Amino acid sequence: MDFKEIKELIKVFDKSELNKLKIKESDFEISMGKGFDGTVEVASAPVAQQIAAPSPSISAPVETSCTTEKSTQTCSDTINSPMVGTFYAAPSPDSSAFVKPGDTVKKGDTLCILEAMKIMNEVEAECDCKILEVLVNDADPVEFDMPLFTIEKL
């Protein structure tokens, strides 16, 4: 089963009224269950991962948190991991990073690669922005919805 088939299976399962699903196909096994909080848990031998419903897209979600102190307002935008995997800042070990702090990127530009189940998934910018900080080191494992970049929307 490839990544696209798994993604589609998660979407269908999320929309169904089923609470649990287990599929075994030769040496591949996947089981899903819906929790009380509306999340879909996906366990695939030997990797276990939790994916919030609806299923993740390759474009990373952008999370915004704003706080107001007296008359100053500060906003912190982050680009979060759309899946569990291994973070790679560059397309190969001897290449330069896709982005570095201070870079301005356009919607659709590749920011990094997340490896999940031996599949390399490019994470693209969902909006035009400036990269303020890269929060993850190359080859570090990342969790679903973990902040990868601090950005400033343009």
C-alpha atoms as a PDB file:
ATOM      1  CA  MET A   1       0.000   0.000   0.000  1.00  0.00           C
ATOM      2  CA  ASP A   2       1.520   3.356  -0.961  1.00  0.00           C
ATOM      3  CA  PHE A   3       1.240   6.707   0.825  1.00  0.00           C
ATOM      4  CA  LYS A   4      -1.591   8.014  -1.389  1.00  0.00           C
ATOM      5  CA  GLU A   5      -3.680   4.906  -0.730  1.00  0.00           C
ATOM      6  CA  ILE A   6      -3.092   5.237   3.021  1.00  0.00           C
ATOM      7  CA  LYS A   7      -4.060   8.932   2.910  1.00  0.00           C
ATOM      8  CA  GLU A   8      -7.273   8.121   1.031  1.00  0.00           C
ATOM      9  CA  LEU A   9      -8.056   5.281   3.454  1.00  0.00           C
ATOM     10  CA  ILE A  10      -7.694   7.682   6.400  1.00  0.00           C
ATOM     11  CA  LYS A  11     -10.046  10.197   4.734  1.00  0.00           C
ATOM     12  CA  VAL A  12     -12.696   7.536   4.081  1.00  0.00           C
ATOM     13  CA  PHE A  13     -12.338   6.123   7.609  1.00  0.00           C
ATOM     14  CA  ASP A  14     -12.609   9.599   9.133  1.00  0.00           C
ATOM     15  CA  LYS A  15     -15.886  10.285   7.305  1.00  0.00           C
ATOM     16  CA  SER A  16     -17.347   6.875   8.180  1.00  0.00           C
ATOM     17  CA  GLU A  17     -19.177   5.964  11.369  1.00  0.00           C
ATOM     18  CA  LEU A  18     -16.671   3.185  12.114  1.00  0.00           C
ATOM     19  CA  ASN A  19     -14.672   3.453  15.344  1.00  0.00           C
ATOM     20  CA  LYS A  20     -11.998   0.873  14.493  1.00  0.00           C
ATOM     21  CA  LEU A  21     -10.491  -0.541  11.309  1.00  0.00           C
ATOM     22  CA  LYS A  22      -7.686  -3.067  10.816  1.00  0.00           C
ATOM     23  CA  ILE A  23      -6.256  -4.108   7.444  1.00  0.00           C
ATOM     24  CA  LYS A  24      -3.530  -6.697   6.881  1.00  0.00           C
ATOM     25  CA  GLU A  25      -1.975  -7.163   3.453  1.00  0.00           C
ATOM     26  CA  SER A  26       1.011  -9.616   3.345  1.00  0.00           C
ATOM     27  CA  ASP A  27       3.738  -7.969   5.511  1.00  0.00           C
ATOM     28  CA  PHE A  28       1.891  -4.622   5.775  1.00  0.00           C
ATOM     29  CA  GLU A  29      -0.602  -4.000   8.563  1.00  0.00           C
ATOM     30  CA  ILE A  30      -2.523  -0.865   9.485  1.00  0.00           C
ATOM     31  CA  SER A  31      -5.070  -0.306  12.217  1.00  0.00           C
ATOM     32  CA  MET A  32      -7.055   2.856  12.906  1.00  0.00           C
ATOM     33  CA  GLY A  33      -9.316   3.897  15.744  1.00  0.00           C
ATOM     34  CA  LYS A  34     -11.241   7.055  16.515  1.00  0.00           C
ATOM     35  CA  GLY A  35     -10.831   8.518  19.985  1.00  0.00           C
ATOM     36  CA  PHE A  36     -13.255  10.629  21.975  1.00  0.00           C
ATOM     37  CA  ASP A  37     -11.372  13.794  21.005  1.00  0.00           C
ATOM     38  CA  GLY A  38     -12.048  13.352  17.269  1.00  0.00           C
ATOM     39  CA  THR A  39      -8.561  12.191  16.344  1.00  0.00           C
ATOM     40  CA  VAL A  40      -7.756   9.227  14.167  1.00  0.00           C
ATOM     41  CA  GLU A  41      -4.985   6.996  15.471  1.00  0.00           C
ATOM     42  CA  VAL A  42      -3.043   5.104  12.833  1.00  0.00           C
ATOM     43  CA  ALA A  43      -0.731   2.242  13.745  1.00  0.00           C
ATOM     44  CA  SER A  44       1.368   0.707  11.029  1.00  0.00           C
ATOM     45  CA  ALA A  45       3.860  -2.043  11.766  1.00  0.00           C
ATOM     46  CA  PRO A  46       6.408  -1.181  13.120  1.00  0.00           C
ATOM     47  CA  VAL A  47       5.679   2.603  13.207  1.00  0.00           C
ATOM     48  CA  ALA A  48       2.823   4.060  15.269  1.00  0.00           C
ATOM     49  CA  GLN A  49       1.594   7.554  14.489  1.00  0.00           C
ATOM     50  CA  GLN A  50      -1.320   9.769  15.446  1.00  0.00           C
ATOM     51  CA  ILE A  51      -2.962  11.893  12.786  1.00  0.00           C
ATOM     52  CA  ALA A  52      -5.628  14.484  13.616  1.00  0.00           C
ATOM     53  CA  ALA A  53      -8.756  14.356  11.484  1.00  0.00           C
ATOM     54  CA  PRO A  54      -8.996  15.212   8.659  1.00  0.00           C
ATOM     55  CA  SER A  55      -5.922  13.469   7.326  1.00  0.00           C
ATOM     56  CA  PRO A  56      -2.789  15.554   6.825  1.00  0.00           C
ATOM     57  CA  SER A  57      -1.996  17.151   3.536  1.00  0.00           C
ATOM     58  CA  ILE A  58       1.527  17.640   2.342  1.00  0.00           C
ATOM     59  CA  SER A  59       1.174  21.396   2.783  1.00  0.00           C
ATOM     60  CA  ALA A  60       2.002  22.168   6.392  1.00  0.00           C
ATOM     61  CA  PRO A  61      -0.609  23.788   8.589  1.00  0.00           C
ATOM     62  CA  VAL A  62       0.143  27.328   9.720  1.00  0.00           C
ATOM     63  CA  GLU A  63      -0.643  28.074  13.341  1.00  0.00           C
ATOM     64  CA  THR A  64      -0.998  31.605  14.651  1.00  0.00           C
ATOM     65  CA  SER A  65      -0.929  32.721  18.259  1.00  0.00           C
ATOM     66  CA  CYS A  66      -1.233  36.382  19.167  1.00  0.00           C
ATOM     67  CA  THR A  67      -0.902  38.040  22.554  1.00  0.00           C
ATOM     68  CA  THR A  68      -1.538  41.654  23.490  1.00  0.00           C
ATOM     69  CA  GLU A  69       0.592  43.320  26.141  1.00  0.00           C
ATOM     70  CA  LYS A  70      -0.564  46.874  26.955  1.00  0.00           C
ATOM     71  CA  SER A  71      -0.441  48.611  23.548  1.00  0.00           C
ATOM     72  CA  THR A  72       1.966  46.229  21.759  1.00  0.00           C
ATOM     73  CA  GLN A  73       0.775  43.229  19.794  1.00  0.00           C
ATOM     74  CA  THR A  74       3.115  40.353  18.949  1.00  0.00           C
ATOM     75  CA  CYS A  75       2.168  37.534  16.581  1.00  0.00           C
ATOM     76  CA  SER A  76       3.991  34.267  16.260  1.00  0.00           C
ATOM     77  CA  ASP A  77       3.178  32.240  13.148  1.00  0.00           C
ATOM     78  CA  THR A  78       4.530  28.746  12.797  1.00  0.00           C
ATOM     79  CA  ILE A  79       4.525  26.123  10.096  1.00  0.00           C
ATOM     80  CA  ASN A  80       3.830  22.772  11.722  1.00  0.00           C
ATOM     81  CA  SER A  81       4.574  19.234  10.657  1.00  0.00           C
ATOM     82  CA  PRO A  82       1.687  17.645   8.729  1.00  0.00           C
ATOM     83  CA  MET A  83       2.836  14.152   9.757  1.00  0.00           C
ATOM     84  CA  VAL A  84       5.158  12.057  11.875  1.00  0.00           C
ATOM     85  CA  GLY A  85       8.531  11.540  10.211  1.00  0.00           C
ATOM     86  CA  THR A  86      12.154  12.576   9.904  1.00  0.00           C
ATOM     87  CA  PHE A  87      12.948  16.217   9.051  1.00  0.00           C
ATOM     88  CA  TYR A  88      15.416  16.950   6.253  1.00  0.00           C
ATOM     89  CA  ALA A  89      16.345  20.572   5.535  1.00  0.00           C
ATOM     90  CA  ALA A  90      17.948  19.790   2.151  1.00  0.00           C
ATOM     91  CA  PRO A  91      17.242  17.464  -0.789  1.00  0.00           C
ATOM     92  CA  SER A  92      20.524  15.594  -0.175  1.00  0.00           C
ATOM     93  CA  PRO A  93      23.281  15.641   2.479  1.00  0.00           C
ATOM     94  CA  ASP A  94      25.674  17.659   0.274  1.00  0.00           C
ATOM     95  CA  SER A  95      23.049  20.176  -0.922  1.00  0.00           C
ATOM     96  CA  SER A  96      22.216  23.484   0.695  1.00  0.00           C
ATOM     97  CA  ALA A  97      19.047  23.815   2.764  1.00  0.00           C
ATOM     98  CA  PHE A  98      15.744  24.619   1.041  1.00  0.00           C
ATOM     99  CA  VAL A  99      15.318  27.642   3.336  1.00  0.00           C
ATOM    100  CA  LYS A 100      17.251  29.420   6.060  1.00  0.00           C
ATOM    101  CA  PRO A 101      16.336  32.213   8.485  1.00  0.00           C
ATOM    102  CA  GLY A 102      15.794  35.468   6.623  1.00  0.00           C
ATOM    103  CA  ASP A 103      14.638  33.822   3.376  1.00  0.00           C
ATOM    104  CA  THR A 104      11.400  35.005   1.774  1.00  0.00           C
ATOM    105  CA  VAL A 105       9.304  32.207   0.249  1.00  0.00           C
ATOM    106  CA  LYS A 106       6.212  32.164  -1.929  1.00  0.00           C
ATOM    107  CA  LYS A 107       3.168  29.947  -1.555  1.00  0.00           C
ATOM    108  CA  GLY A 108       4.028  26.483  -2.897  1.00  0.00           C
ATOM    109  CA  ASP A 109       7.814  26.752  -2.372  1.00  0.00           C
ATOM    110  CA  THR A 110       9.403  23.678  -0.786  1.00  0.00           C
ATOM    111  CA  LEU A 111      10.500  24.279   2.821  1.00  0.00           C
ATOM    112  CA  CYS A 112      11.792  20.841   3.794  1.00  0.00           C
ATOM    113  CA  ILE A 113      11.335  17.108   3.310  1.00  0.00           C
ATOM    114  CA  LEU A 114       9.648  14.789   5.799  1.00  0.00           C
ATOM    115  CA  GLU A 115      10.449  11.126   5.434  1.00  0.00           C
ATOM    116  CA  ALA A 116       7.618   8.856   6.542  1.00  0.00           C
ATOM    117  CA  MET A 117       7.607   5.116   5.893  1.00  0.00           C
ATOM    118  CA  LYS A 118      10.514   5.441   3.403  1.00  0.00           C
ATOM    119  CA  ILE A 119       8.571   8.026   1.374  1.00  0.00           C
ATOM    120  CA  MET A 120      10.020  11.513   0.940  1.00  0.00           C
ATOM    121  CA  ASN A 121       7.264  14.145   1.306  1.00  0.00           C
ATOM    122  CA  GLU A 122       7.959  17.765   0.411  1.00  0.00           C
ATOM    123  CA  VAL A 123       6.452  20.308   2.802  1.00  0.00           C
ATOM    124  CA  GLU A 124       5.353  23.418   0.919  1.00  0.00           C
ATOM    125  CA  ALA A 125       4.587  26.930   2.139  1.00  0.00           C
ATOM    126  CA  GLU A 126       0.857  27.631   2.360  1.00  0.00           C
ATOM    127  CA  CYS A 127       1.351  31.388   2.058  1.00  0.00           C
ATOM    128  CA  ASP A 128       3.945  33.996   1.138  1.00  0.00           C
ATOM    129  CA  CYS A 129       6.135  34.460   4.188  1.00  0.00           C
ATOM    130  CA  LYS A 130       9.562  35.217   5.619  1.00  0.00           C
ATOM    131  CA  ILE A 131      11.365  32.444   7.520  1.00  0.00           C
ATOM    132  CA  LEU A 132      12.346  33.805  10.935  1.00  0.00           C
ATOM    133  CA  GLU A 133      13.681  30.613  12.517  1.00  0.00           C
ATOM    134  CA  VAL A 134      14.127  26.922  11.711  1.00  0.00           C
ATOM    135  CA  LEU A 135      13.027  25.103  14.878  1.00  0.00           C
ATOM    136  CA  VAL A 136      14.219  21.580  13.978  1.00  0.00           C
ATOM    137  CA  ASN A 137      17.689  20.194  13.236  1.00  0.00           C
ATOM    138  CA  ASP A 138      18.413  18.162  10.125  1.00  0.00           C
ATOM    139  CA  ALA A 139      17.580  14.425  10.489  1.00  0.00           C
ATOM    140  CA  ASP A 140      15.597  15.003  13.717  1.00  0.00           C
ATOM    141  CA  PRO A 141      12.386  13.029  14.215  1.00  0.00           C
ATOM    142  CA  VAL A 142       9.242  15.179  14.255  1.00  0.00           C
ATOM    143  CA  GLU A 143       5.738  14.583  15.578  1.00  0.00           C
ATOM    144  CA  PHE A 144       2.435  15.521  13.990  1.00  0.00           C
ATOM    145  CA  ASP A 145       1.664  19.258  14.431  1.00  0.00           C
ATOM    146  CA  MET A 146       5.139  19.964  15.838  1.00  0.00           C
ATOM    147  CA  PRO A 147       6.355  23.503  14.909  1.00  0.00           C
ATOM    148  CA  LEU A 148       9.058  23.360  12.219  1.00  0.00           C
ATOM    149  CA  PHE A 149       9.485  27.027  11.272  1.00  0.00           C
ATOM    150  CA  THR A 150       8.668  30.404  12.794  1.00  0.00           C
ATOM    151  CA  ILE A 151       7.440  32.694  10.025  1.00  0.00           C
ATOM    152  CA  GLU A 152       6.186  36.198   9.343  1.00  0.00           C
ATOM    153  CA  LYS A 153       3.317  36.310   6.834  1.00  0.00           C
ATOM    154  CA  LEU A 154       3.746  38.767   3.980  1.00  0.00           C
END
